[in-house]
Amino acid sequence: IPMDDPTLISRQQLFARIVGGLGGRAAEEIIFGDSEVTTGAAGDLQQITGLAKQMVVTFGMSDIGPWSLMDAAQSGDVIMRM
């Protein structure tokens, strides 16, 4: 059962991590305005972008269905596996 295995992370939990990671950038936009956004959120943006990519490419958590999009030997070719 996923709730009993601490190594399994649900789609909802991953999405919550993404939302939390965007909090810093959102706070900057609210406090300082769009024209004064800084580079401070760069690390957060890189981390959540990687997580979102993993959700789709590796874990098959996209709206198109349970497909895993694996990069074939780093060649840039994408293979779809069900």
C-alpha atoms as a PDB file:
ATOM      1  CA  ILE A   1       0.000   0.000   0.000  1.00  0.00           C
ATOM      2  CA  PRO A   2       1.497   3.370  -0.983  1.00  0.00           C
ATOM      3  CA  MET A   3       0.693   4.896   2.411  1.00  0.00           C
ATOM      4  CA  ASP A   4       2.790   2.224   4.109  1.00  0.00           C
ATOM      5  CA  ASP A   5       5.853   2.702   1.887  1.00  0.00           C
ATOM      6  CA  PRO A   6       7.718   5.954   2.594  1.00  0.00           C
ATOM      7  CA  THR A   7       9.671   5.681  -0.667  1.00  0.00           C
ATOM      8  CA  LEU A   8       6.525   6.064  -2.792  1.00  0.00           C
ATOM      9  CA  ILE A   9       5.415   9.618  -3.517  1.00  0.00           C
ATOM     10  CA  SER A  10       1.964  10.353  -4.898  1.00  0.00           C
ATOM     11  CA  ARG A  11       1.147  12.684  -7.782  1.00  0.00           C
ATOM     12  CA  GLN A  12      -0.576  14.987  -5.298  1.00  0.00           C
ATOM     13  CA  GLN A  13       2.545  15.144  -3.102  1.00  0.00           C
ATOM     14  CA  LEU A  14       4.774  15.928  -6.089  1.00  0.00           C
ATOM     15  CA  PHE A  15       2.382  18.639  -7.235  1.00  0.00           C
ATOM     16  CA  ALA A  16       2.433  20.129  -3.720  1.00  0.00           C
ATOM     17  CA  ARG A  17       6.244  20.293  -3.904  1.00  0.00           C
ATOM     18  CA  ILE A  18       5.987  22.174  -7.190  1.00  0.00           C
ATOM     19  CA  VAL A  19       3.466  24.634  -5.754  1.00  0.00           C
ATOM     20  CA  GLY A  20       5.673  25.163  -2.698  1.00  0.00           C
ATOM     21  CA  GLY A  21       8.717  25.722  -4.887  1.00  0.00           C
ATOM     22  CA  LEU A  22       6.912  28.470  -6.803  1.00  0.00           C
ATOM     23  CA  GLY A  23       6.068  30.278  -3.563  1.00  0.00           C
ATOM     24  CA  GLY A  24       9.297  32.289  -3.466  1.00  0.00           C
ATOM     25  CA  ARG A  25       8.860  33.633  -6.975  1.00  0.00           C
ATOM     26  CA  ALA A  26       5.188  34.401  -6.346  1.00  0.00           C
ATOM     27  CA  ALA A  27       6.086  36.284  -3.164  1.00  0.00           C
ATOM     28  CA  GLU A  28       8.630  38.402  -5.048  1.00  0.00           C
ATOM     29  CA  GLU A  29       6.064  39.295  -7.691  1.00  0.00           C
ATOM     30  CA  ILE A  30       3.495  40.254  -5.043  1.00  0.00           C
ATOM     31  CA  ILE A  31       5.867  42.254  -2.833  1.00  0.00           C
ATOM     32  CA  PHE A  32       8.174  43.875  -5.408  1.00  0.00           C
ATOM     33  CA  GLY A  33       6.074  43.776  -8.575  1.00  0.00           C
ATOM     34  CA  ASP A  34       6.723  42.052 -11.870  1.00  0.00           C
ATOM     35  CA  SER A  35       9.412  44.541 -12.942  1.00  0.00           C
ATOM     36  CA  GLU A  36      11.523  43.907  -9.803  1.00  0.00           C
ATOM     37  CA  VAL A  37      11.614  40.099  -9.811  1.00  0.00           C
ATOM     38  CA  THR A  38      15.129  38.878  -8.963  1.00  0.00           C
ATOM     39  CA  THR A  39      17.237  35.833  -9.773  1.00  0.00           C
ATOM     40  CA  GLY A  40      16.687  34.524  -6.228  1.00  0.00           C
ATOM     41  CA  ALA A  41      14.231  31.846  -7.301  1.00  0.00           C
ATOM     42  CA  ALA A  42      16.521  30.373  -9.972  1.00  0.00           C
ATOM     43  CA  GLY A  43      17.439  27.292  -7.929  1.00  0.00           C
ATOM     44  CA  ASP A  44      13.815  26.641  -7.019  1.00  0.00           C
ATOM     45  CA  LEU A  45      12.752  26.982 -10.652  1.00  0.00           C
ATOM     46  CA  GLN A  46      15.435  24.534 -11.807  1.00  0.00           C
ATOM     47  CA  GLN A  47      14.438  22.022  -9.146  1.00  0.00           C
ATOM     48  CA  ILE A  48      10.709  22.129  -9.856  1.00  0.00           C
ATOM     49  CA  THR A  49      11.274  22.064 -13.619  1.00  0.00           C
ATOM     50  CA  GLY A  50      13.283  18.864 -13.169  1.00  0.00           C
ATOM     51  CA  LEU A  51      10.590  17.422 -10.942  1.00  0.00           C
ATOM     52  CA  ALA A  52       7.830  18.259 -13.434  1.00  0.00           C
ATOM     53  CA  LYS A  53       9.882  16.695 -16.231  1.00  0.00           C
ATOM     54  CA  GLN A  54      10.378  13.536 -14.168  1.00  0.00           C
ATOM     55  CA  MET A  55       6.650  13.360 -13.467  1.00  0.00           C
ATOM     56  CA  VAL A  56       5.908  13.265 -17.201  1.00  0.00           C
ATOM     57  CA  VAL A  57       8.957  11.568 -18.715  1.00  0.00           C
ATOM     58  CA  THR A  58       9.865   9.003 -16.064  1.00  0.00           C
ATOM     59  CA  PHE A  59       6.805   8.442 -13.887  1.00  0.00           C
ATOM     60  CA  GLY A  60       4.114   8.643 -16.620  1.00  0.00           C
ATOM     61  CA  MET A  61       2.055  11.169 -14.659  1.00  0.00           C
ATOM     62  CA  SER A  62       0.786  13.244 -17.581  1.00  0.00           C
ATOM     63  CA  ASP A  63      -2.727  13.939 -18.755  1.00  0.00           C
ATOM     64  CA  ILE A  64      -2.116  11.895 -21.918  1.00  0.00           C
ATOM     65  CA  GLY A  65      -2.128   8.722 -19.875  1.00  0.00           C
ATOM     66  CA  PRO A  66       0.307   6.315 -18.252  1.00  0.00           C
ATOM     67  CA  TRP A  67       3.088   6.779 -20.804  1.00  0.00           C
ATOM     68  CA  SER A  68       6.770   6.851 -19.984  1.00  0.00           C
ATOM     69  CA  LEU A  69       8.789   9.016 -22.375  1.00  0.00           C
ATOM     70  CA  MET A  70      12.322   7.687 -22.128  1.00  0.00           C
ATOM     71  CA  ASP A  71      15.278   9.377 -23.830  1.00  0.00           C
ATOM     72  CA  ALA A  72      17.000   6.755 -26.007  1.00  0.00           C
ATOM     73  CA  ALA A  73      20.676   6.728 -25.004  1.00  0.00           C
ATOM     74  CA  GLN A  74      20.801  10.521 -24.647  1.00  0.00           C
ATOM     75  CA  SER A  75      20.414  10.886 -28.423  1.00  0.00           C
ATOM     76  CA  GLY A  76      17.480  13.231 -28.179  1.00  0.00           C
ATOM     77  CA  ASP A  77      15.075  10.641 -29.547  1.00  0.00           C
ATOM     78  CA  VAL A  78      12.012  10.112 -27.419  1.00  0.00           C
ATOM     79  CA  ILE A  79      10.479   6.658 -27.117  1.00  0.00           C
ATOM     80  CA  MET A  80       6.960   6.270 -25.749  1.00  0.00           C
ATOM     81  CA  ARG A  81       6.358   3.213 -23.573  1.00  0.00           C
ATOM     82  CA  MET A  82       3.142   2.159 -21.949  1.00  0.00           C
END
